[in-house]
C-alpha atoms as a PDB file:
ATOM      1  CA  MET A   1     132.237 122.750  89.364  1.00  0.00           C
ATOM      2  CA  THR A   2     129.107 123.617  87.404  1.00  0.00           C
ATOM      3  CA  ARG A   3     129.098 125.427  84.085  1.00  0.00           C
ATOM      4  CA  GLU A   4     126.528 128.083  83.432  1.00  0.00           C
ATOM      5  CA  THR A   5     125.010 128.286  79.935  1.00  0.00           C
ATOM      6  CA  LYS A   6     125.908 131.599  78.317  1.00  0.00           C
ATOM      7  CA  SER A   7     124.482 133.499  75.358  1.00  0.00           C
ATOM      8  CA  TRP A   8     126.275 135.251  72.509  1.00  0.00           C
ATOM      9  CA  GLN A   9     126.074 138.520  74.513  1.00  0.00           C
ATOM     10  CA  ASP A  10     128.497 137.023  77.026  1.00  0.00           C
ATOM     11  CA  ILE A  11     131.283 136.579  74.474  1.00  0.00           C
ATOM     12  CA  PRO A  12     134.162 138.944  75.353  1.00  0.00           C
ATOM     13  CA  ILE A  13     135.529 141.315  72.713  1.00  0.00           C
ATOM     14  CA  ALA A  14     137.619 139.283  70.237  1.00  0.00           C
ATOM     15  CA  GLY A  15     136.316 136.138  71.902  1.00  0.00           C
ATOM     16  CA  VAL A  16     135.480 132.931  70.129  1.00  0.00           C
ATOM     17  CA  CYS A  17     131.982 131.517  70.221  1.00  0.00           C
ATOM     18  CA  TRP A  18     131.720 128.116  71.873  1.00  0.00           C
ATOM     19  CA  LYS A  19     128.757 126.735  69.918  1.00  0.00           C
ATOM     20  CA  PRO A  20     127.435 126.954  66.351  1.00  0.00           C
ATOM     21  CA  ALA A  21     125.161 129.844  65.376  1.00  0.00           C
ATOM     22  CA  THR A  22     122.399 127.378  64.519  1.00  0.00           C
ATOM     23  CA  GLU A  23     121.938 126.794  68.266  1.00  0.00           C
ATOM     24  CA  TYR A  24     121.018 130.404  69.093  1.00  0.00           C
ATOM     25  CA  HIS A  25     119.311 133.311  67.353  1.00  0.00           C
ATOM     26  CA  THR A  26     121.600 136.070  66.144  1.00  0.00           C
ATOM     27  CA  GLY A  27     118.937 138.231  64.492  1.00  0.00           C
ATOM     28  CA  ASP A  28     118.719 140.573  67.451  1.00  0.00           C
ATOM     29  CA  TRP A  29     122.007 142.131  66.298  1.00  0.00           C
ATOM     30  CA  ARG A  30     120.089 143.668  63.426  1.00  0.00           C
ATOM     31  CA  THR A  31     119.515 147.407  62.997  1.00  0.00           C
ATOM     32  CA  PHE A  32     118.235 147.158  59.423  1.00  0.00           C
ATOM     33  CA  LYS A  33     115.907 144.488  58.095  1.00  0.00           C
ATOM     34  CA  PRO A  34     115.670 143.206  54.496  1.00  0.00           C
ATOM     35  CA  VAL A  35     112.227 143.515  52.914  1.00  0.00           C
ATOM     36  CA  TYR A  36     111.491 141.522  49.763  1.00  0.00           C
ATOM     37  CA  ALA A  37     109.400 142.642  46.762  1.00  0.00           C
ATOM     38  CA  SER A  38     108.545 139.475  44.823  1.00  0.00           C
ATOM     39  CA  GLU A  39     107.386 141.389  41.743  1.00  0.00           C
ATOM     40  CA  LYS A  40     110.921 142.768  41.239  1.00  0.00           C
ATOM     41  CA  CYS A  41     112.685 139.445  41.860  1.00  0.00           C
ATOM     42  CA  LYS A  42     114.552 137.929  38.877  1.00  0.00           C
ATOM     43  CA  LYS A  43     114.746 134.565  40.692  1.00  0.00           C
ATOM     44  CA  CYS A  44     118.523 134.438  40.291  1.00  0.00           C
ATOM     45  CA  LEU A  45     118.907 133.410  43.977  1.00  0.00           C
ATOM     46  CA  LEU A  46     122.131 135.374  44.268  1.00  0.00           C
ATOM     47  CA  CYS A  47     120.869 136.654  47.629  1.00  0.00           C
ATOM     48  CA  SER A  48     120.625 133.124  48.971  1.00  0.00           C
ATOM     49  CA  MET A  49     124.102 132.224  47.758  1.00  0.00           C
ATOM     50  CA  ILE A  50     125.850 135.262  49.236  1.00  0.00           C
ATOM     51  CA  CYS A  51     124.055 135.519  52.588  1.00  0.00           C
ATOM     52  CA  PRO A  52     126.782 134.971  55.212  1.00  0.00           C
ATOM     53  CA  ASP A  53     124.195 133.726  57.711  1.00  0.00           C
ATOM     54  CA  ALA A  54     122.298 131.341  55.396  1.00  0.00           C
ATOM     55  CA  ALA A  55     119.184 133.278  56.414  1.00  0.00           C
ATOM     56  CA  ILE A  56     117.692 133.405  52.893  1.00  0.00           C
ATOM     57  CA  LYS A  57     116.006 130.399  51.343  1.00  0.00           C
ATOM     58  CA  TRP A  58     114.029 129.793  48.160  1.00  0.00           C
ATOM     59  CA  ASN A  59     110.496 128.549  48.770  1.00  0.00           C
ATOM     60  CA  GLU A  60     109.913 126.328  45.755  1.00  0.00           C
ATOM     61  CA  THR A  61     106.189 125.947  46.423  1.00  0.00           C
ATOM     62  CA  LYS A  62     105.460 129.686  46.598  1.00  0.00           C
ATOM     63  CA  GLU A  63     108.314 130.643  44.215  1.00  0.00           C
ATOM     64  CA  VAL A  64     109.525 133.393  46.534  1.00  0.00           C
ATOM     65  CA  VAL A  65     112.571 134.167  48.630  1.00  0.00           C
ATOM     66  CA  GLU A  66     112.034 133.839  52.387  1.00  0.00           C
ATOM     67  CA  PHE A  67     114.122 135.381  55.153  1.00  0.00           C
ATOM     68  CA  ASN A  68     114.773 133.743  58.490  1.00  0.00           C
ATOM     69  CA  TYR A  69     114.845 136.835  60.691  1.00  0.00           C
ATOM     70  CA  ASP A  70     115.976 134.760  63.669  1.00  0.00           C
ATOM     71  CA  PHE A  71     119.408 134.556  62.029  1.00  0.00           C
ATOM     72  CA  CYS A  72     119.533 137.567  59.657  1.00  0.00           C
ATOM     73  CA  LYS A  73     121.922 140.157  61.089  1.00  0.00           C
ATOM     74  CA  GLY A  74     120.863 142.887  58.644  1.00  0.00           C
ATOM     75  CA  CYS A  75     124.231 143.260  56.928  1.00  0.00           C
ATOM     76  CA  GLY A  76     122.585 144.357  53.652  1.00  0.00           C
ATOM     77  CA  ILE A  77     124.764 142.285  51.336  1.00  0.00           C
ATOM     78  CA  CYS A  78     121.647 140.755  49.772  1.00  0.00           C
ATOM     79  CA  ALA A  79     120.145 144.186  49.019  1.00  0.00           C
ATOM     80  CA  ASN A  80     123.413 145.545  47.646  1.00  0.00           C
ATOM     81  CA  GLU A  81     123.922 142.615  45.293  1.00  0.00           C
ATOM     82  CA  CYS A  82     120.328 142.043  44.136  1.00  0.00           C
ATOM     83  CA  PRO A  83     120.245 142.771  40.363  1.00  0.00           C
ATOM     84  CA  GLY A  84     116.487 143.413  40.404  1.00  0.00           C
ATOM     85  CA  ARG A  85     116.563 145.617  43.518  1.00  0.00           C
ATOM     86  CA  ALA A  86     113.938 143.284  44.991  1.00  0.00           C
ATOM     87  CA  ILE A  87     115.408 143.634  48.485  1.00  0.00           C
ATOM     88  CA  GLN A  88     115.390 146.912  50.371  1.00  0.00           C
ATOM     89  CA  MET A  89     116.870 147.493  53.815  1.00  0.00           C
ATOM     90  CA  ILE A  90     114.597 149.292  56.270  1.00  0.00           C
ATOM     91  CA  ARG A  91     115.309 150.359  59.825  1.00  0.00           C
ATOM     92  CA  GLU A  92     114.113 147.801  62.355  1.00  0.00           C
ATOM     93  CA  SER A  93     111.058 149.102  64.234  1.00  0.00           C
ATOM     94  CA  GLY A  94     112.264 147.860  67.626  1.00  0.00           C
ATOM     95  CA  GLU A  95     108.963 146.192  68.473  1.00  0.00           C
END
């Protein structure tokens, strides 16, 4: 019996994923995309702490927040909680 490798799209409704999210990209679930305005950022890093997908990291060298769009699902929690309104959600272009 051979097992075929499946993607997250093959998970049945209410199913349980069989491998960690770090092994596949979940960003294609996204309808809205976070866009960062560094000039508004208060550098509190609240966005990084509350991101459920760990898709936001602080780049110490550039002193900016960076998004990993391969894993960002576009939930908007970061934009809603940002005290400086440095993150805005825009509709994904579909390109």
